[in-house]
C-alpha cells in the first residue's frame, strides 16, 4: 500500500471530479479506507488500477456488434 490521500488530492491527481469519486466509492467501484464517521482515504495506485477496469465509450460511437450488422 502506498501513500494515502484525501479525496480532494485524488481528484486533482486524476482530473476526476470529487462528486464522481464519491459516487464510485459509494458504489464500491474504487477501493478506499474509512477512518471515523466521515474521513476516507485512497491509495492512488489502487484507485488507478480499479479505474482501468472500466471502459468509457465515446458518446455517439457505434459498438463493434452494431457495425457487424
Protein backbone atom coordinates (compact mmCIF):
# COMPACT_ATOMS: atom_id res chain seq x y z
CA UNK A 1 0.00 0.00 0.00
CA UNK A 2 1.35 3.39 -0.99
CA UNK A 3 0.76 6.82 0.45
CA UNK A 4 -2.87 7.54 1.27
CA UNK A 5 -4.53 10.75 0.07
CA UNK A 6 -7.82 12.51 0.69
CA UNK A 7 -10.46 12.70 -1.99
CA UNK A 8 -9.60 16.28 -2.97
CA UNK A 9 -5.97 15.35 -3.71
CA UNK A 10 -7.07 12.25 -5.63
CA UNK A 11 -9.38 14.45 -7.68
CA UNK A 12 -6.51 16.80 -8.54
CA UNK A 13 -4.17 13.96 -9.47
CA UNK A 14 -6.63 12.18 -11.77
CA UNK A 15 -8.71 15.06 -13.11
CA UNK A 16 -11.88 13.37 -11.88
CA UNK A 17 -14.47 15.47 -10.01
CA UNK A 18 -14.81 14.85 -6.27
CA UNK A 19 -18.50 14.08 -6.73
CA UNK A 20 -17.69 11.32 -9.24
CA UNK A 21 -15.08 9.81 -6.93
CA UNK A 22 -17.58 9.82 -4.05
CA UNK A 23 -20.12 8.05 -6.27
CA UNK A 24 -17.53 5.43 -7.28
CA UNK A 25 -16.58 4.86 -3.64
CA UNK A 26 -20.23 4.55 -2.57
CA UNK A 27 -20.83 2.03 -5.37
CA UNK A 28 -17.65 0.17 -4.30
CA UNK A 29 -16.09 0.68 -7.74
CA UNK A 30 -12.89 2.07 -6.22
CA UNK A 31 -11.14 0.98 -3.01
CA UNK A 32 -10.94 3.29 0.00
CA UNK A 33 -10.22 3.25 3.72
CA UNK A 34 -12.64 4.87 6.13
CA UNK A 35 -11.47 6.36 9.41
CA UNK A 36 -14.19 7.55 11.75
CA UNK A 37 -17.58 8.68 10.57
CA UNK A 38 -16.67 10.81 7.52
CA UNK A 39 -12.96 10.63 6.81
CA UNK A 40 -11.98 8.48 3.84
CA UNK A 41 -8.57 7.99 2.27
CA UNK A 42 -7.49 6.47 -1.01
CA UNK A 43 -4.36 4.74 -2.28
CA UNK A 44 -3.90 6.41 -5.71
CA UNK A 45 -2.23 3.33 -7.23
CA UNK A 46 -5.08 1.03 -6.18
CA UNK A 47 -7.67 3.51 -7.43
CA UNK A 48 -5.94 3.80 -10.82
CA UNK A 49 -5.90 0.00 -11.16
CA UNK A 50 -9.61 -0.14 -10.33
CA UNK A 51 -10.45 2.65 -12.81
CA UNK A 52 -8.65 0.81 -15.62
CA UNK A 53 -11.29 -1.93 -15.38
CA UNK A 54 -13.96 0.47 -16.59
CA UNK A 55 -14.08 1.26 -20.28
CA UNK A 56 -15.51 4.56 -21.41
CA UNK A 57 -17.10 4.73 -24.85
CA UNK A 58 -17.23 7.93 -26.83
CA UNK A 59 -20.71 9.42 -26.99
CA UNK A 60 -22.28 8.60 -30.33
CA UNK A 61 -19.75 5.89 -31.14
CA UNK A 62 -21.02 2.65 -32.56
CA UNK A 63 -20.16 -0.66 -30.98
CA UNK A 64 -18.49 -3.44 -32.94
CA UNK A 65 -21.63 -5.51 -32.58
CA UNK A 66 -23.75 -2.89 -34.36
CA UNK A 67 -21.20 -2.44 -37.14
CA UNK A 68 -21.30 -6.16 -37.89
CA UNK A 69 -24.98 -6.00 -38.93
